[in-house]
Every structure is written in structure tokens, then in C-alpha cells.
PDB file of N, CA and C in Angstrom:
ATOM      1  N   MET A   1     136.025 226.527-114.882  1.00  0.00           N
ATOM      2  CA  MET A   1     134.998 225.965-114.048  1.00  0.00           C
ATOM      3  C   MET A   1     133.882 226.988-113.797  1.00  0.00           C
ATOM      4  N   VAL A   2     134.247 228.234-113.568  1.00  0.00           N
ATOM      5  CA  VAL A   2     133.253 229.283-113.350  1.00  0.00           C
ATOM      6  C   VAL A   2     132.440 229.498-114.625  1.00  0.00           C
ATOM      7  N   ASN A   3     133.125 229.517-115.774  1.00  0.00           N
ATOM      8  CA  ASN A   3     132.407 229.690-117.046  1.00  0.00           C
ATOM      9  C   ASN A   3     131.439 228.550-117.301  1.00  0.00           C
ATOM     10  N   ASP A   4     131.822 227.336-116.934  1.00  0.00           N
ATOM     11  CA  ASP A   4     130.926 226.189-117.089  1.00  0.00           C
ATOM     12  C   ASP A   4     129.675 226.366-116.223  1.00  0.00           C
ATOM     13  N   ALA A   5     129.867 226.844-115.009  1.00  0.00           N
ATOM     14  CA  ALA A   5     128.741 227.057-114.103  1.00  0.00           C
ATOM     15  C   ALA A   5     127.811 228.148-114.641  1.00  0.00           C
ATOM     16  N   ILE A   6     128.375 229.209-115.171  1.00  0.00           N
ATOM     17  CA  ILE A   6     127.572 230.289-115.753  1.00  0.00           C
ATOM     18  C   ILE A   6     126.782 229.775-116.950  1.00  0.00           C
ATOM     19  N   ASN A   7     127.425 228.991-117.799  1.00  0.00           N
ATOM     20  CA  ASN A   7     126.730 228.424-118.961  1.00  0.00           C
ATOM     21  C   ASN A   7     125.600 227.498-118.532  1.00  0.00           C
ATOM     22  N   GLU A   8     125.823 226.686-117.507  1.00  0.00           N
ATOM     23  CA  GLU A   8     124.767 225.806-116.987  1.00  0.00           C
ATOM     24  C   GLU A   8     123.595 226.622-116.449  1.00  0.00           C
ATOM     25  N   LEU A   9     123.901 227.711-115.766  1.00  0.00           N
ATOM     26  CA  LEU A   9     122.860 228.587-115.225  1.00  0.00           C
ATOM     27  C   LEU A   9     122.042 229.206-116.352  1.00  0.00           C
ATOM     28  N   LYS A  10     122.706 229.633-117.424  1.00  0.00           N
ATOM     29  CA  LYS A  10     122.002 230.202-118.579  1.00  0.00           C
ATOM     30  C   LYS A  10     121.071 229.170-119.210  1.00  0.00           C
ATOM     31  N   ILE A  11     121.548 227.950-119.340  1.00  0.00           N
ATOM     32  CA  ILE A  11     120.730 226.883-119.929  1.00  0.00           C
ATOM     33  C   ILE A  11     119.522 226.599-119.041  1.00  0.00           C
ATOM     34  N   LYS A  12     119.760 226.502-117.755  1.00  0.00           N
ATOM     35  CA  LYS A  12     118.662 226.224-116.823  1.00  0.00           C
ATOM     36  C   LYS A  12     117.644 227.357-116.813  1.00  0.00           C
ATOM     37  N   ALA A  13     118.109 228.591-116.934  1.00  0.00           N
ATOM     38  CA  ALA A  13     117.217 229.747-116.928  1.00  0.00           C
ATOM     39  C   ALA A  13     116.272 229.751-118.122  1.00  0.00           C
ATOM     40  N   LYS A  14     116.661 229.111-119.211  1.00  0.00           N
ATOM     41  CA  LYS A  14     115.800 229.049-120.401  1.00  0.00           C
ATOM     42  C   LYS A  14     114.629 228.090-120.221  1.00  0.00           C
ATOM     43  N   HIS A  15     114.771 227.137-119.315  1.00  0.00           N
ATOM     44  CA  HIS A  15     113.757 226.095-119.182  1.00  0.00           C
ATOM     45  C   HIS A  15     113.038 226.091-117.839  1.00  0.00           C
ATOM     46  N   GLN A  16     113.499 226.910-116.916  1.00  0.00           N
ATOM     47  CA  GLN A  16     112.858 226.997-115.610  1.00  0.00           C
ATOM     48  C   GLN A  16     112.936 228.432-115.110  1.00  0.00           C
ATOM     49  N   PRO A  17     111.871 228.926-114.521  1.00  0.00           N
ATOM     50  CA  PRO A  17     111.947 230.265-113.915  1.00  0.00           C
ATOM     51  C   PRO A  17     112.739 230.182-112.611  1.00  0.00           C
ATOM     52  N   ILE A  18     114.056 230.188-112.729  1.00  0.00           N
ATOM     53  CA  ILE A  18     114.925 229.941-111.578  1.00  0.00           C
ATOM     54  C   ILE A  18     114.860 231.043-110.529  1.00  0.00           C
ATOM     55  N   GLY A  19     114.293 232.178-110.897  1.00  0.00           N
ATOM     56  CA  GLY A  19     114.126 233.246-109.915  1.00  0.00           C
ATOM     57  C   GLY A  19     113.311 232.798-108.726  1.00  0.00           C
ATOM     58  N   PHE A  20     112.497 231.765-108.925  1.00  0.00           N
ATOM     59  CA  PHE A  20     111.684 231.196-107.849  1.00  0.00           C
ATOM     60  C   PHE A  20     112.565 230.795-106.673  1.00  0.00           C
ATOM     61  N   ASN A  21     113.753 230.347-106.955  1.00  0.00           N
ATOM     62  CA  ASN A  21     114.676 229.920-105.910  1.00  0.00           C
ATOM     63  C   ASN A  21     115.690 230.986-105.514  1.00  0.00           C
ATOM     64  N   LEU A  22     115.839 232.015-106.345  1.00  0.00           N
ATOM     65  CA  LEU A  22     116.898 232.994-106.105  1.00  0.00           C
ATOM     66  C   LEU A  22     116.409 234.342-105.571  1.00  0.00           C
ATOM     67  N   LEU A  23     115.100 234.562-105.602  1.00  0.00           N
ATOM     68  CA  LEU A  23     114.546 235.824-105.123  1.00  0.00           C
ATOM     69  C   LEU A  23     113.794 235.605-103.814  1.00  0.00           C
ATOM     70  N   PRO A  24     113.565 236.686-103.066  1.00  0.00           N
ATOM     71  CA  PRO A  24     112.752 236.542-101.859  1.00  0.00           C
ATOM     72  C   PRO A  24     111.303 236.201-102.235  1.00  0.00           C
ATOM     73  N   GLU A  25     110.484 235.934-101.245  1.00  0.00           N
ATOM     74  CA  GLU A  25     109.090 235.546-101.491  1.00  0.00           C
ATOM     75  C   GLU A  25     108.342 236.605-102.295  1.00  0.00           C
ATOM     76  N   TYR A  26     108.570 237.881-101.994  1.00  0.00           N
ATOM     77  CA  TYR A  26     107.943 238.990-102.718  1.00  0.00           C
ATOM     78  C   TYR A  26     109.033 239.816-103.380  1.00  0.00           C
ATOM     79  N   PHE A  27     108.807 240.211-104.618  1.00  0.00           N
ATOM     80  CA  PHE A  27     109.817 240.929-105.402  1.00  0.00           C
ATOM     81  C   PHE A  27     109.120 241.792-106.434  1.00  0.00           C
ATOM     82  N   THR A  28     109.872 242.733-106.985  1.00  0.00           N
ATOM     83  CA  THR A  28     109.345 243.573-108.066  1.00  0.00           C
ATOM     84  C   THR A  28     109.789 242.993-109.403  1.00  0.00           C
ATOM     85  N   ILE A  29     109.111 243.384-110.456  1.00  0.00           N
ATOM     86  CA  ILE A  29     109.514 242.928-111.789  1.00  0.00           C
ATOM     87  C   ILE A  29     110.912 243.453-112.130  1.00  0.00           C
ATOM     88  N   PRO A  30     111.252 244.709-111.787  1.00  0.00           N
ATOM     89  CA  PRO A  30     112.637 245.144-112.029  1.00  0.00           C
ATOM     90  C   PRO A  30     113.682 244.285-111.301  1.00  0.00           C
ATOM     91  N   GLU A  31     113.371 243.801-110.120  1.00  0.00           N
ATOM     92  CA  GLU A  31     114.305 242.917-109.418  1.00  0.00           C
ATOM     93  C   GLU A  31     114.457 241.595-110.171  1.00  0.00           C
ATOM     94  N   LEU A  32     113.346 241.079-110.682  1.00  0.00           N
ATOM     95  CA  LEU A  32     113.388 239.848-111.465  1.00  0.00           C
ATOM     96  C   LEU A  32     114.194 240.059-112.741  1.00  0.00           C
ATOM     97  N   GLN A  33     113.970 241.199-113.400  1.00  0.00           N
ATOM     98  CA  GLN A  33     114.714 241.503-114.617  1.00  0.00           C
ATOM     99  C   GLN A  33     116.206 241.630-114.316  1.00  0.00           C
ATOM    100  N   SER A  34     116.544 242.270-113.235  1.00  0.00           N
ATOM    101  CA  SER A  34     117.952 242.420-112.852  1.00  0.00           C
ATOM    102  C   SER A  34     118.612 241.057-112.658  1.00  0.00           C
ATOM    103  N   LEU A  35     117.881 240.126-112.068  1.00  0.00           N
ATOM    104  CA  LEU A  35     118.398 238.775-111.889  1.00  0.00           C
ATOM    105  C   LEU A  35     118.722 238.143-113.236  1.00  0.00           C
ATOM    106  N   TYR A  36     117.783 238.229-114.181  1.00  0.00           N
ATOM    107  CA  TYR A  36     118.014 237.624-115.492  1.00  0.00           C
ATOM    108  C   TYR A  36     119.096 238.352-116.284  1.00  0.00           C
ATOM    109  N   GLU A  37     119.218 239.660-116.109  1.00  0.00           N
ATOM    110  CA  GLU A  37     120.306 240.386-116.763  1.00  0.00           C
ATOM    111  C   GLU A  37     121.653 239.925-116.208  1.00  0.00           C
ATOM    112  N   THR A  38     121.697 239.638-114.932  1.00  0.00           N
ATOM    113  CA  THR A  38     122.923 239.135-114.318  1.00  0.00           C
ATOM    114  C   THR A  38     123.257 237.742-114.844  1.00  0.00           C
ATOM    115  N   ILE A  39     122.244 236.894-114.944  1.00  0.00           N
ATOM    116  CA  ILE A  39     122.465 235.536-115.449  1.00  0.00           C
ATOM    117  C   ILE A  39     122.941 235.564-116.890  1.00  0.00           C
ATOM    118  N   TYR A  40     122.235 236.316-117.737  1.00  0.00           N
ATOM    119  CA  TYR A  40     122.566 236.351-119.166  1.00  0.00           C
ATOM    120  C   TYR A  40     123.723 237.296-119.483  1.00  0.00           C
ATOM    121  N   GLN A  41     124.138 238.087-118.506  1.00  0.00           N
ATOM    122  CA  GLN A  41     125.246 239.033-118.652  1.00  0.00           C
ATOM    123  C   GLN A  41     125.043 239.998-119.812  1.00  0.00           C
ATOM    124  N   ARG A  42     123.807 240.482-119.904  1.00  0.00           N
ATOM    125  CA  ARG A  42     123.476 241.495-120.913  1.00  0.00           C
ATOM    126  C   ARG A  42     122.212 242.230-120.483  1.00  0.00           C
ATOM    127  N   SER A  43     122.023 243.422-121.041  1.00  0.00           N
ATOM    128  CA  SER A  43     120.819 244.193-120.744  1.00  0.00           C
ATOM    129  C   SER A  43     119.631 243.604-121.485  1.00  0.00           C
ATOM    130  N   LEU A  44     118.466 243.677-120.864  1.00  0.00           N
ATOM    131  CA  LEU A  44     117.233 243.215-121.489  1.00  0.00           C
ATOM    132  C   LEU A  44     116.288 244.395-121.618  1.00  0.00           C
ATOM    133  N   ASP A  45     115.566 244.448-122.715  1.00  0.00           N
ATOM    134  CA  ASP A  45     114.603 245.510-122.921  1.00  0.00           C
ATOM    135  C   ASP A  45     113.495 245.386-121.873  1.00  0.00           C
ATOM    136  N   THR A  46     113.268 246.454-121.132  1.00  0.00           N
ATOM    137  CA  THR A  46     112.320 246.434-120.023  1.00  0.00           C
ATOM    138  C   THR A  46     110.913 246.073-120.470  1.00  0.00           C
ATOM    139  N   ARG A  47     110.430 246.693-121.548  1.00  0.00           N
ATOM    140  CA  ARG A  47     109.052 246.415-122.005  1.00  0.00           C
ATOM    141  C   ARG A  47     108.899 244.980-122.472  1.00  0.00           C
ATOM    142  N   ASN A  48     109.872 244.483-123.233  1.00  0.00           N
ATOM    143  CA  ASN A  48     109.786 243.102-123.719  1.00  0.00           C
ATOM    144  C   ASN A  48     109.874 242.094-122.572  1.00  0.00           C
ATOM    145  N   PHE A  49     110.743 242.363-121.611  1.00  0.00           N
ATOM    146  CA  PHE A  49     110.867 241.459-120.477  1.00  0.00           C
ATOM    147  C   PHE A  49     109.556 241.403-119.705  1.00  0.00           C
ATOM    148  N   ARG A  50     109.013 242.565-119.415  1.00  0.00           N
ATOM    149  CA  ARG A  50     107.759 242.650-118.660  1.00  0.00           C
ATOM    150  C   ARG A  50     106.637 241.915-119.394  1.00  0.00           C
ATOM    151  N   LYS A  51     106.549 242.146-120.700  1.00  0.00           N
ATOM    152  CA  LYS A  51     105.513 241.500-121.515  1.00  0.00           C
ATOM    153  C   LYS A  51     105.688 239.980-121.495  1.00  0.00           C
ATOM    154  N   LYS A  52     106.916 239.515-121.635  1.00  0.00           N
ATOM    155  CA  LYS A  52     107.206 238.077-121.669  1.00  0.00           C
ATOM    156  C   LYS A  52     106.865 237.424-120.328  1.00  0.00           C
ATOM    157  N   ILE A  53     107.342 238.010-119.233  1.00  0.00           N
ATOM    158  CA  ILE A  53     107.129 237.398-117.923  1.00  0.00           C
ATOM    159  C   ILE A  53     105.656 237.405-117.551  1.00  0.00           C
ATOM    160  N   LEU A  54     104.946 238.482-117.862  1.00  0.00           N
ATOM    161  CA  LEU A  54     103.521 238.532-117.532  1.00  0.00           C
ATOM    162  C   LEU A  54     102.703 237.595-118.415  1.00  0.00           C
ATOM    163  N   SER A  55     103.148 237.368-119.653  1.00  0.00           N
ATOM    164  CA  SER A  55     102.422 236.467-120.554  1.00  0.00           C
ATOM    165  C   SER A  55     102.513 235.010-120.098  1.00  0.00           C
ATOM    166  N   LEU A  56     103.539 234.669-119.321  1.00  0.00           N
ATOM    167  CA  LEU A  56     103.679 233.310-118.805  1.00  0.00           C
ATOM    168  C   LEU A  56     102.654 233.002-117.716  1.00  0.00           C
ATOM    169  N   ASP A  57     102.094 234.050-117.120  1.00  0.00           N
ATOM    170  CA  ASP A  57     101.070 233.915-116.083  1.00  0.00           C
ATOM    171  C   ASP A  57     101.553 233.070-114.902  1.00  0.00           C
ATOM    172  N   VAL A  58     102.800 233.291-114.490  1.00  0.00           N
ATOM    173  CA  VAL A  58     103.350 232.563-113.341  1.00  0.00           C
ATOM    174  C   VAL A  58     103.553 233.469-112.131  1.00  0.00           C
ATOM    175  N   LEU A  59     103.207 234.742-112.279  1.00  0.00           N
ATOM    176  CA  LEU A  59     103.361 235.686-111.180  1.00  0.00           C
ATOM    177  C   LEU A  59     101.999 236.059-110.610  1.00  0.00           C
ATOM    178  N   THR A  60     101.972 236.262-109.316  1.00  0.00           N
ATOM    179  CA  THR A  60     100.765 236.738-108.645  1.00  0.00           C
ATOM    180  C   THR A  60     101.071 238.131-108.119  1.00  0.00           C
ATOM    181  N   LYS A  61     100.299 239.107-108.587  1.00  0.00           N
ATOM    182  CA  LYS A  61     100.484 240.480-108.130  1.00  0.00           C
ATOM    183  C   LYS A  61      99.852 240.625-106.750  1.00  0.00           C
ATOM    184  N   THR A  62     100.594 241.206-105.829  1.00  0.00           N
ATOM    185  CA  THR A  62     100.074 241.404-104.474  1.00  0.00           C
ATOM    186  C   THR A  62      99.620 242.853-104.303  1.00  0.00           C
ATOM    187  N   ASP A  63      98.990 243.144-103.196  1.00  0.00           N
ATOM    188  CA  ASP A  63      98.595 244.520-102.875  1.00  0.00           C
ATOM    189  C   ASP A  63      99.748 245.294-102.253  1.00  0.00           C
ATOM    190  N   LYS A  64     100.833 244.604-101.956  1.00  0.00           N
ATOM    191  CA  LYS A  64     101.985 245.220-101.309  1.00  0.00           C
ATOM    192  C   LYS A  64     102.808 246.005-102.322  1.00  0.00           C
ATOM    193  N   LYS A  65     103.476 247.053-101.829  1.00  0.00           N
ATOM    194  CA  LYS A  65     104.342 247.861-102.688  1.00  0.00           C
ATOM    195  C   LYS A  65     105.700 248.050-102.037  1.00  0.00           C
ATOM    196  N   ASP A  66     106.716 248.111-102.888  1.00  0.00           N
ATOM    197  CA  ASP A  66     108.069 248.435-102.454  1.00  0.00           C
ATOM    198  C   ASP A  66     108.257 249.922-102.702  1.00  0.00           C
ATOM    199  N   LYS A  67     108.298 250.706-101.660  1.00  0.00           N
ATOM    200  CA  LYS A  67     108.409 252.157-101.807  1.00  0.00           C
ATOM    201  C   LYS A  67     109.828 252.649-101.584  1.00  0.00           C
ATOM    202  N   SER A  68     110.798 251.751-101.619  1.00  0.00           N
ATOM    203  CA  SER A  68     112.184 252.156-101.393  1.00  0.00           C
ATOM    204  C   SER A  68     112.751 252.916-102.589  1.00  0.00           C
ATOM    205  N   GLY A  69     112.190 252.704-103.787  1.00  0.00           N
ATOM    206  CA  GLY A  69     112.718 253.352-104.984  1.00  0.00           C
ATOM    207  C   GLY A  69     112.004 254.632-105.365  1.00  0.00           C
ATOM    208  N   SER A  70     110.745 254.794-104.936  1.00  0.00           N
ATOM    209  CA  SER A  70     109.988 255.991-105.277  1.00  0.00           C
ATOM    210  C   SER A  70     108.816 256.145-104.319  1.00  0.00           C
ATOM    211  N   LYS A  71     108.195 257.328-104.334  1.00  0.00           N
ATOM    212  CA  LYS A  71     107.030 257.557-103.483  1.00  0.00           C
ATOM    213  C   LYS A  71     105.872 256.657-103.895  1.00  0.00           C
ATOM    214  N   LYS A  72     105.667 256.552-105.197  1.00  0.00           N
ATOM    215  CA  LYS A  72     104.555 255.760-105.720  1.00  0.00           C
ATOM    216  C   LYS A  72     104.755 254.276-105.392  1.00  0.00           C
ATOM    217  N   GLY A  73     105.953 253.802-105.539  1.00  0.00           N
ATOM    218  CA  GLY A  73     106.271 252.414-105.227  1.00  0.00           C
ATOM    219  C   GLY A  73     105.962 251.465-106.365  1.00  0.00           C
ATOM    220  N   ALA A  74     106.576 250.305-106.311  1.00  0.00           N
ATOM    221  CA  ALA A  74     106.366 249.261-107.316  1.00  0.00           C
ATOM    222  C   ALA A  74     105.631 248.101-106.657  1.00  0.00           C
ATOM    223  N   PHE A  75     104.665 247.546-107.363  1.00  0.00           N
ATOM    224  CA  PHE A  75     103.933 246.409-106.820  1.00  0.00           C
ATOM    225  C   PHE A  75     104.870 245.225-106.635  1.00  0.00           C
ATOM    226  N   LEU A  76     104.613 244.475-105.594  1.00  0.00           N
ATOM    227  CA  LEU A  76     105.369 243.261-105.326  1.00  0.00           C
ATOM    228  C   LEU A  76     104.614 242.069-105.899  1.00  0.00           C
ATOM    229  N   TYR A  77     105.370 241.106-106.393  1.00  0.00           N
ATOM    230  CA  TYR A  77     104.818 239.897-106.991  1.00  0.00           C
ATOM    231  C   TYR A  77     105.363 238.695-106.244  1.00  0.00           C
ATOM    232  N   SER A  78     104.692 237.578-106.434  1.00  0.00           N
ATOM    233  CA  SER A  78     105.202 236.303-105.938  1.00  0.00           C
ATOM    234  C   SER A  78     105.007 235.281-107.048  1.00  0.00           C
ATOM    235  N   PHE A  79     105.765 234.195-107.001  1.00  0.00           N
ATOM    236  CA  PHE A  79     105.631 233.143-108.002  1.00  0.00           C
ATOM    237  C   PHE A  79     104.462 232.233-107.652  1.00  0.00           C
ATOM    238  N   ASN A  80     103.753 231.777-108.664  1.00  0.00           N
ATOM    239  CA  ASN A  80     102.675 230.807-108.489  1.00  0.00           C
ATOM    240  C   ASN A  80     103.252 229.431-108.820  1.00  0.00           C
ATOM    241  N   LYS A  81     103.613 228.686-107.800  1.00  0.00           N
ATOM    242  CA  LYS A  81     104.301 227.409-107.983  1.00  0.00           C
ATOM    243  C   LYS A  81     103.498 226.414-108.807  1.00  0.00           C
ATOM    244  N   GLU A  82     102.195 226.368-108.606  1.00  0.00           N
ATOM    245  CA  GLU A  82     101.362 225.414-109.354  1.00  0.00           C
ATOM    246  C   GLU A  82     101.430 225.688-110.856  1.00  0.00           C
ATOM    247  N   LYS A  83     101.332 226.951-111.236  1.00  0.00           N
ATOM    248  CA  LYS A  83     101.390 227.306-112.656  1.00  0.00           C
ATOM    249  C   LYS A  83     102.786 227.042-113.232  1.00  0.00           C
ATOM    250  N   ILE A  84     103.806 227.287-112.430  1.00  0.00           N
ATOM    251  CA  ILE A  84     105.171 227.022-112.873  1.00  0.00           C
ATOM    252  C   ILE A  84     105.347 225.533-113.144  1.00  0.00           C
ATOM    253  N   ASP A  85     104.877 224.700-112.227  1.00  0.00           N
ATOM    254  CA  ASP A  85     105.001 223.247-112.396  1.00  0.00           C
ATOM    255  C   ASP A  85     104.304 222.770-113.668  1.00  0.00           C
ATOM    256  N   ILE A  86     103.143 223.331-113.970  1.00  0.00           N
ATOM    257  CA  ILE A  86     102.413 222.962-115.189  1.00  0.00           C
ATOM    258  C   ILE A  86     103.222 223.344-116.422  1.00  0.00           C
ATOM    259  N   LEU A  87     103.774 224.550-116.427  1.00  0.00           N
ATOM    260  CA  LEU A  87     104.562 225.002-117.579  1.00  0.00           C
ATOM    261  C   LEU A  87     105.831 224.174-117.761  1.00  0.00           C
ATOM    262  N   ILE A  88     106.460 223.790-116.676  1.00  0.00           N
ATOM    263  CA  ILE A  88     107.677 222.976-116.761  1.00  0.00           C
ATOM    264  C   ILE A  88     107.338 221.626-117.379  1.00  0.00           C
ATOM    265  N   LYS A  89     106.216 221.042-116.988  1.00  0.00           N
ATOM    266  CA  LYS A  89     105.794 219.760-117.553  1.00  0.00           C
ATOM    267  C   LYS A  89     105.498 219.878-119.046  1.00  0.00           C
ATOM    268  N   LYS A  90     105.038 221.061-119.465  1.00  0.00           N
ATOM    269  CA  LYS A  90     104.732 221.291-120.885  1.00  0.00           C
ATOM    270  C   LYS A  90     105.979 221.646-121.688  1.00  0.00           C
ATOM    271  N   GLY A  91     107.118 221.817-121.023  1.00  0.00           N
ATOM    272  CA  GLY A  91     108.367 222.153-121.727  1.00  0.00           C
ATOM    273  C   GLY A  91     108.559 223.647-121.875  1.00  0.00           C
ATOM    274  N   LEU A  92     108.436 224.365-120.788  1.00  0.00           N
ATOM    275  CA  LEU A  92     108.587 225.815-120.766  1.00  0.00           C
ATOM    276  C   LEU A  92     109.834 226.275-121.498  1.00  0.00           C
ATOM    277  N   ASN A  93     109.690 227.295-122.340  1.00  0.00           N
ATOM    278  CA  ASN A  93     110.836 227.951-122.960  1.00  0.00           C
ATOM    279  C   ASN A  93     110.822 229.395-122.494  1.00  0.00           C
ATOM    280  N   PHE A  94     111.689 229.729-121.565  1.00  0.00           N
ATOM    281  CA  PHE A  94     111.701 231.043-120.965  1.00  0.00           C
ATOM    282  C   PHE A  94     112.894 231.865-121.432  1.00  0.00           C
ATOM    283  N   GLU A  95     113.198 231.745-122.693  1.00  0.00           N
ATOM    284  CA  GLU A  95     114.305 232.540-123.229  1.00  0.00           C
ATOM    285  C   GLU A  95     113.842 233.973-123.396  1.00  0.00           C
ATOM    286  N   VAL A  96     114.568 234.906-122.764  1.00  0.00           N
ATOM    287  CA  VAL A  96     114.208 236.324-122.824  1.00  0.00           C
ATOM    288  C   VAL A  96     115.188 237.090-123.668  1.00  0.00           C
TER     289      VAL A  96
END
């Protein structure tokens, strides 16, 4: 039953940016990547993941930074629901 649920989550993750429901309102790209690595149960190449997620144009970069990991800090992002809805209607393929 658990394996079935994991498989369903993997399938859903390919067609919807499910992080929209699983992450806080503001998050870093590494946090988003960690979520997808957990779902897919494998490591993802950081550069390719970043390139893929940014190319979808569903994230809005904020002026806020998460400085818990370093002095410089990482920019926080939020999901753009309107753009996500458009991509879902077009048949989004979010396989990373």
C-alpha cells in the first residue's frame, strides 16, 4: 500500500508541480529540489534541476533571503498559481 502511494506521488509529480501544496509559501530552490529528490527517491543534478524549474517560469523570485544556511543567503521563491494553472491545462510534463 505504501509503495502504491509512492508510485502515485511520482506519477502526479510528473504532471503537476506538487510542491505548491507541500512547501511553505516562500522556499528556496534547494528546498524544492530536496522535495523532488524525496519523491523520486534519487539524487537530482542541481544545475539541471535549477535550469528545468526556472525554464517553466512558474516561480516568482522575491527580495527575501533565507540566511539560515550561509551569510550570503539564498533567495526565496513563491509559486505563481496562474502560470501553473495555464501549464497544467496545456499538459505540463515536469519530469526531472
